[in-house]
N, C-alpha and C. Protein backbone atom coordinates (compact mmCIF):
# COMPACT_ATOMS: atom_id res chain seq x y z
N MET A 1 7.37 -6.64 18.51
CA MET A 1 7.17 -5.60 17.52
C MET A 1 7.80 -6.03 16.19
N ARG A 2 7.08 -5.78 15.10
CA ARG A 2 7.58 -6.14 13.78
C ARG A 2 8.68 -5.17 13.35
N ASP A 3 9.65 -5.71 12.64
CA ASP A 3 10.71 -4.85 12.11
C ASP A 3 10.33 -4.39 10.70
N ASP A 4 11.21 -3.60 10.11
CA ASP A 4 10.93 -3.06 8.78
C ASP A 4 10.73 -4.17 7.75
N HIS A 5 11.52 -5.21 7.84
CA HIS A 5 11.40 -6.33 6.91
C HIS A 5 9.99 -6.94 6.99
N GLY A 6 9.50 -7.15 8.19
CA GLY A 6 8.16 -7.69 8.37
C GLY A 6 7.09 -6.77 7.83
N ARG A 7 7.27 -5.48 8.01
CA ARG A 7 6.28 -4.51 7.52
C ARG A 7 6.27 -4.47 5.99
N LEU A 8 7.45 -4.63 5.38
CA LEU A 8 7.49 -4.70 3.92
C LEU A 8 6.71 -5.92 3.42
N HIS A 9 6.83 -7.01 4.13
CA HIS A 9 6.06 -8.20 3.77
C HIS A 9 4.56 -7.97 3.98
N ASP A 10 4.20 -7.20 4.99
CA ASP A 10 2.79 -6.84 5.19
C ASP A 10 2.27 -6.06 3.98
N ILE A 11 3.10 -5.14 3.48
CA ILE A 11 2.73 -4.35 2.31
C ILE A 11 2.54 -5.25 1.10
N LEU A 12 3.49 -6.15 0.87
CA LEU A 12 3.36 -7.07 -0.27
C LEU A 12 2.13 -7.97 -0.15
N ASP A 13 1.84 -8.41 1.05
CA ASP A 13 0.65 -9.25 1.27
C ASP A 13 -0.62 -8.47 0.93
N ALA A 14 -0.69 -7.21 1.35
CA ALA A 14 -1.85 -6.37 1.03
C ALA A 14 -1.96 -6.15 -0.48
N ILE A 15 -0.83 -5.96 -1.13
CA ILE A 15 -0.84 -5.78 -2.59
C ILE A 15 -1.38 -7.03 -3.27
N LYS A 16 -0.95 -8.19 -2.84
CA LYS A 16 -1.45 -9.44 -3.43
C LYS A 16 -2.95 -9.57 -3.25
N ARG A 17 -3.45 -9.14 -2.12
CA ARG A 17 -4.89 -9.21 -1.87
C ARG A 17 -5.65 -8.22 -2.76
N ILE A 18 -5.06 -7.06 -3.00
CA ILE A 18 -5.67 -6.09 -3.93
C ILE A 18 -5.69 -6.67 -5.34
N GLU A 19 -4.57 -7.24 -5.75
CA GLU A 19 -4.46 -7.80 -7.10
C GLU A 19 -5.48 -8.90 -7.36
N ARG A 20 -5.81 -9.64 -6.34
CA ARG A 20 -6.77 -10.75 -6.48
C ARG A 20 -8.09 -10.26 -7.09
N TYR A 21 -8.54 -9.07 -6.70
CA TYR A 21 -9.80 -8.56 -7.20
C TYR A 21 -9.64 -7.49 -8.28
N ALA A 22 -8.48 -6.87 -8.36
CA ALA A 22 -8.25 -5.85 -9.38
C ALA A 22 -8.37 -6.44 -10.78
N LYS A 23 -8.02 -7.70 -10.92
CA LYS A 23 -8.08 -8.33 -12.25
C LYS A 23 -9.51 -8.45 -12.76
N ARG A 24 -10.48 -8.23 -11.92
CA ARG A 24 -11.89 -8.25 -12.36
C ARG A 24 -12.26 -6.96 -13.08
N GLY A 25 -11.42 -5.94 -12.94
CA GLY A 25 -11.61 -4.70 -13.68
C GLY A 25 -12.32 -3.60 -12.92
N ARG A 26 -12.28 -2.44 -13.55
CA ARG A 26 -12.84 -1.24 -12.93
C ARG A 26 -14.35 -1.34 -12.71
N ARG A 27 -15.04 -1.90 -13.66
CA ARG A 27 -16.50 -1.99 -13.53
C ARG A 27 -16.90 -2.79 -12.29
N ALA A 28 -16.27 -3.94 -12.10
CA ALA A 28 -16.56 -4.76 -10.91
C ALA A 28 -16.20 -3.99 -9.65
N PHE A 29 -15.08 -3.28 -9.69
CA PHE A 29 -14.65 -2.48 -8.55
C PHE A 29 -15.71 -1.44 -8.19
N GLU A 30 -16.21 -0.73 -9.18
CA GLU A 30 -17.18 0.34 -8.92
C GLU A 30 -18.56 -0.19 -8.54
N GLU A 31 -18.95 -1.32 -9.09
CA GLU A 31 -20.31 -1.82 -8.87
C GLU A 31 -20.45 -2.72 -7.65
N ASP A 32 -19.37 -3.31 -7.21
CA ASP A 32 -19.44 -4.26 -6.09
C ASP A 32 -18.84 -3.63 -4.84
N GLU A 33 -19.71 -3.31 -3.90
CA GLU A 33 -19.28 -2.67 -2.66
C GLU A 33 -18.25 -3.51 -1.91
N LEU A 34 -18.42 -4.81 -1.93
CA LEU A 34 -17.45 -5.67 -1.22
C LEU A 34 -16.06 -5.56 -1.84
N ILE A 35 -16.00 -5.49 -3.16
CA ILE A 35 -14.69 -5.39 -3.82
C ILE A 35 -14.03 -4.05 -3.51
N HIS A 36 -14.77 -2.95 -3.65
CA HIS A 36 -14.08 -1.68 -3.39
C HIS A 36 -13.79 -1.49 -1.91
N THR A 37 -14.62 -2.02 -1.04
CA THR A 37 -14.31 -1.96 0.39
C THR A 37 -13.07 -2.79 0.70
N TRP A 38 -12.95 -3.95 0.09
CA TRP A 38 -11.78 -4.83 0.25
C TRP A 38 -10.50 -4.09 -0.16
N MET A 39 -10.55 -3.45 -1.33
CA MET A 39 -9.36 -2.77 -1.83
C MET A 39 -9.01 -1.56 -0.97
N ILE A 40 -10.00 -0.81 -0.57
CA ILE A 40 -9.75 0.35 0.30
C ILE A 40 -9.11 -0.12 1.60
N HIS A 41 -9.64 -1.18 2.17
CA HIS A 41 -9.08 -1.72 3.41
C HIS A 41 -7.61 -2.07 3.25
N HIS A 42 -7.26 -2.72 2.16
CA HIS A 42 -5.87 -3.13 1.98
C HIS A 42 -4.95 -1.96 1.62
N ILE A 43 -5.48 -0.93 0.99
CA ILE A 43 -4.69 0.29 0.79
C ILE A 43 -4.43 0.93 2.15
N GLN A 44 -5.41 0.89 3.04
CA GLN A 44 -5.21 1.40 4.40
C GLN A 44 -4.11 0.61 5.11
N ILE A 45 -4.10 -0.70 4.95
CA ILE A 45 -3.06 -1.53 5.57
C ILE A 45 -1.69 -1.14 5.03
N ILE A 46 -1.60 -0.92 3.72
CA ILE A 46 -0.33 -0.50 3.13
C ILE A 46 0.13 0.81 3.78
N GLY A 47 -0.77 1.76 3.91
CA GLY A 47 -0.42 3.04 4.52
C GLY A 47 -0.02 2.92 5.97
N GLU A 48 -0.71 2.08 6.71
CA GLU A 48 -0.37 1.88 8.13
C GLU A 48 0.99 1.21 8.25
N ALA A 49 1.24 0.18 7.45
CA ALA A 49 2.55 -0.49 7.50
C ALA A 49 3.66 0.49 7.12
N ALA A 50 3.41 1.33 6.12
CA ALA A 50 4.41 2.33 5.71
C ALA A 50 4.69 3.31 6.84
N SER A 51 3.64 3.71 7.56
CA SER A 51 3.83 4.67 8.65
C SER A 51 4.60 4.07 9.82
N GLN A 52 4.59 2.75 9.92
CA GLN A 52 5.30 2.07 11.00
C GLN A 52 6.74 1.71 10.65
N LEU A 53 7.14 1.94 9.40
CA LEU A 53 8.54 1.74 9.04
C LEU A 53 9.39 2.77 9.77
N SER A 54 10.59 2.39 10.11
CA SER A 54 11.46 3.34 10.81
C SER A 54 11.76 4.54 9.91
N LEU A 55 11.95 5.69 10.52
CA LEU A 55 12.28 6.90 9.79
C LEU A 55 13.58 6.71 9.01
N THR A 56 14.53 6.04 9.62
CA THR A 56 15.81 5.76 8.95
C THR A 56 15.57 4.96 7.68
N PHE A 57 14.74 3.95 7.77
CA PHE A 57 14.45 3.12 6.60
C PHE A 57 13.79 3.95 5.51
N ARG A 58 12.80 4.76 5.87
CA ARG A 58 12.10 5.58 4.87
C ARG A 58 13.05 6.58 4.22
N LYS A 59 13.95 7.15 5.01
CA LYS A 59 14.93 8.10 4.45
C LYS A 59 15.92 7.39 3.53
N THR A 60 16.26 6.16 3.86
CA THR A 60 17.19 5.39 3.04
C THR A 60 16.56 5.00 1.71
N HIS A 61 15.25 4.85 1.69
CA HIS A 61 14.54 4.39 0.49
C HIS A 61 13.55 5.45 0.02
N GLN A 62 14.08 6.62 -0.29
CA GLN A 62 13.24 7.75 -0.68
C GLN A 62 12.65 7.61 -2.08
N GLN A 63 13.08 6.59 -2.82
CA GLN A 63 12.49 6.36 -4.15
C GLN A 63 11.03 5.93 -4.02
N VAL A 64 10.66 5.45 -2.86
CA VAL A 64 9.27 5.08 -2.59
C VAL A 64 8.57 6.30 -2.00
N PRO A 65 7.40 6.66 -2.52
CA PRO A 65 6.71 7.86 -2.03
C PRO A 65 5.99 7.63 -0.69
N TRP A 66 6.77 7.38 0.35
CA TRP A 66 6.19 7.07 1.67
C TRP A 66 5.18 8.12 2.15
N PRO A 67 5.50 9.42 2.05
CA PRO A 67 4.53 10.41 2.55
C PRO A 67 3.17 10.33 1.85
N GLN A 68 3.18 10.10 0.53
CA GLN A 68 1.93 10.01 -0.21
C GLN A 68 1.16 8.74 0.17
N ILE A 69 1.89 7.65 0.39
CA ILE A 69 1.25 6.39 0.78
C ILE A 69 0.57 6.56 2.14
N ILE A 70 1.27 7.18 3.06
CA ILE A 70 0.73 7.41 4.41
C ILE A 70 -0.45 8.38 4.35
N LYS A 71 -0.32 9.42 3.52
CA LYS A 71 -1.40 10.40 3.39
C LYS A 71 -2.67 9.73 2.82
N MET A 72 -2.49 8.83 1.86
CA MET A 72 -3.64 8.14 1.28
C MET A 72 -4.39 7.36 2.35
N ARG A 73 -3.67 6.72 3.23
CA ARG A 73 -4.29 5.99 4.33
C ARG A 73 -5.12 6.93 5.19
N HIS A 74 -4.54 8.10 5.51
CA HIS A 74 -5.26 9.08 6.35
C HIS A 74 -6.54 9.55 5.66
N VAL A 75 -6.47 9.79 4.37
CA VAL A 75 -7.66 10.22 3.63
C VAL A 75 -8.73 9.14 3.68
N LEU A 76 -8.34 7.89 3.44
CA LEU A 76 -9.31 6.80 3.43
C LEU A 76 -9.93 6.55 4.79
N VAL A 77 -9.15 6.73 5.84
CA VAL A 77 -9.65 6.48 7.19
C VAL A 77 -10.49 7.64 7.70
N HIS A 78 -10.02 8.86 7.49
CA HIS A 78 -10.66 10.01 8.12
C HIS A 78 -11.68 10.73 7.24
N ASP A 79 -11.63 10.51 5.93
CA ASP A 79 -12.58 11.16 5.03
C ASP A 79 -13.40 10.09 4.30
N TYR A 80 -13.78 9.06 5.05
CA TYR A 80 -14.43 7.89 4.46
C TYR A 80 -15.72 8.20 3.71
N LEU A 81 -16.42 9.26 4.08
CA LEU A 81 -17.66 9.61 3.37
C LEU A 81 -17.38 10.31 2.05
N GLY A 82 -16.16 10.83 1.90
CA GLY A 82 -15.82 11.56 0.68
C GLY A 82 -14.86 10.82 -0.22
N ILE A 83 -14.77 9.50 -0.07
CA ILE A 83 -13.82 8.73 -0.87
C ILE A 83 -14.23 8.77 -2.34
N ASP A 84 -13.28 9.10 -3.18
CA ASP A 84 -13.46 9.13 -4.63
C ASP A 84 -13.02 7.78 -5.18
N LEU A 85 -13.99 6.95 -5.57
CA LEU A 85 -13.66 5.61 -6.07
C LEU A 85 -12.81 5.66 -7.33
N GLY A 86 -12.97 6.70 -8.13
CA GLY A 86 -12.13 6.85 -9.31
C GLY A 86 -10.67 7.02 -8.94
N GLU A 87 -10.42 7.79 -7.90
CA GLU A 87 -9.04 7.99 -7.44
C GLU A 87 -8.49 6.71 -6.81
N VAL A 88 -9.32 6.01 -6.07
CA VAL A 88 -8.87 4.73 -5.48
C VAL A 88 -8.51 3.76 -6.60
N TRP A 89 -9.35 3.68 -7.63
CA TRP A 89 -9.04 2.78 -8.74
C TRP A 89 -7.74 3.20 -9.44
N ALA A 90 -7.54 4.50 -9.59
CA ALA A 90 -6.30 4.99 -10.21
C ALA A 90 -5.09 4.54 -9.40
N VAL A 91 -5.20 4.58 -8.08
CA VAL A 91 -4.11 4.11 -7.21
C VAL A 91 -3.88 2.62 -7.45
N VAL A 92 -4.96 1.86 -7.50
CA VAL A 92 -4.85 0.40 -7.71
C VAL A 92 -4.18 0.11 -9.05
N GLU A 93 -4.59 0.81 -10.08
CA GLU A 93 -4.11 0.54 -11.42
C GLU A 93 -2.72 1.12 -11.69
N ARG A 94 -2.46 2.32 -11.20
CA ARG A 94 -1.23 3.06 -11.51
C ARG A 94 -0.14 2.86 -10.48
N ASP A 95 -0.49 2.97 -9.20
CA ASP A 95 0.54 3.05 -8.15
C ASP A 95 0.87 1.71 -7.50
N VAL A 96 -0.12 0.86 -7.34
CA VAL A 96 0.12 -0.42 -6.65
C VAL A 96 1.15 -1.28 -7.39
N PRO A 97 1.08 -1.42 -8.72
CA PRO A 97 2.10 -2.22 -9.40
C PRO A 97 3.52 -1.66 -9.24
N VAL A 98 3.64 -0.34 -9.26
CA VAL A 98 4.95 0.30 -9.07
C VAL A 98 5.45 0.03 -7.66
N LEU A 99 4.58 0.18 -6.68
CA LEU A 99 4.96 -0.07 -5.28
C LEU A 99 5.39 -1.51 -5.09
N LYS A 100 4.67 -2.43 -5.70
CA LYS A 100 5.02 -3.85 -5.59
C LYS A 100 6.45 -4.09 -6.09
N LYS A 101 6.76 -3.50 -7.22
CA LYS A 101 8.11 -3.66 -7.79
C LYS A 101 9.16 -3.04 -6.87
N GLN A 102 8.88 -1.84 -6.36
CA GLN A 102 9.84 -1.17 -5.47
C GLN A 102 10.10 -1.98 -4.20
N ILE A 103 9.05 -2.46 -3.58
CA ILE A 103 9.19 -3.23 -2.34
C ILE A 103 9.93 -4.54 -2.61
N SER A 104 9.59 -5.19 -3.71
CA SER A 104 10.27 -6.44 -4.06
C SER A 104 11.76 -6.22 -4.27
N GLU A 105 12.11 -5.12 -4.92
CA GLU A 105 13.53 -4.80 -5.14
C GLU A 105 14.24 -4.52 -3.81
N ILE A 106 13.60 -3.79 -2.93
CA ILE A 106 14.21 -3.51 -1.62
C ILE A 106 14.45 -4.80 -0.87
N LEU A 107 13.50 -5.71 -0.91
CA LEU A 107 13.63 -6.97 -0.17
C LEU A 107 14.73 -7.87 -0.73
N LYS A 108 15.11 -7.66 -1.97
CA LYS A 108 16.20 -8.44 -2.56
C LYS A 108 17.56 -8.03 -2.01
N ARG A 109 17.64 -6.79 -1.51
CA ARG A 109 18.91 -6.26 -0.99
C ARG A 109 19.03 -6.53 0.50
N PRO A 110 20.24 -6.79 0.97
CA PRO A 110 20.44 -7.02 2.41
C PRO A 110 19.97 -5.86 3.28
N ILE A 111 20.07 -4.62 2.79
CA ILE A 111 19.67 -3.46 3.61
C ILE A 111 18.18 -3.52 3.95
N GLY A 112 17.39 -4.16 3.12
CA GLY A 112 15.97 -4.30 3.39
C GLY A 112 15.70 -5.12 4.64
N ARG A 113 16.69 -5.87 5.08
CA ARG A 113 16.52 -6.72 6.25
C ARG A 113 17.16 -6.13 7.50
N SER A 114 17.93 -5.07 7.35
CA SER A 114 18.73 -4.62 8.48
C SER A 114 18.10 -3.51 9.31
N SER A 115 17.15 -2.77 8.76
CA SER A 115 16.60 -1.63 9.48
C SER A 115 15.58 -2.08 10.51
N LYS A 116 15.72 -1.58 11.72
CA LYS A 116 14.75 -1.85 12.78
C LYS A 116 14.25 -0.54 13.34
N ARG A 117 13.11 -0.58 13.93
CA ARG A 117 12.49 0.62 14.49
C ARG A 117 13.16 1.06 15.76
C-alpha cells in the first residue's frame, strides 16, 4: 500500500501530465476531445489520490482544500454526462497551479514523509 508521500507524488505526476496539454490553451482543450478527456482523467487521479491520504495527514495540512478536490473527482466520475468543460478548464487554470505549489511545499518538509495510512 502506498503511503501519503507516495500519493503526493501521484498528485504531482498527474499535475505534470495536465500541464503538458494545458499550455496549448483553452481553445485546444475545448475543441480536442482527447485533450479534455486526458485532463479530466488526471483530475480524477488527483481526487482519488487525495481521498487515499490518511485523515491525519489531511487534517495536518488543511491549507489544501482536500474536500473540494475529492468532491471534484466524484462529480467527474459520477456526473460524467453533465461535465462543464468551462469549470474543468477553470480548475486547470486556477486551482492546479496552486495545488502544485502546495504539494511541493509539503514535500519539502519532513512531515510530508512521515504520515502513513
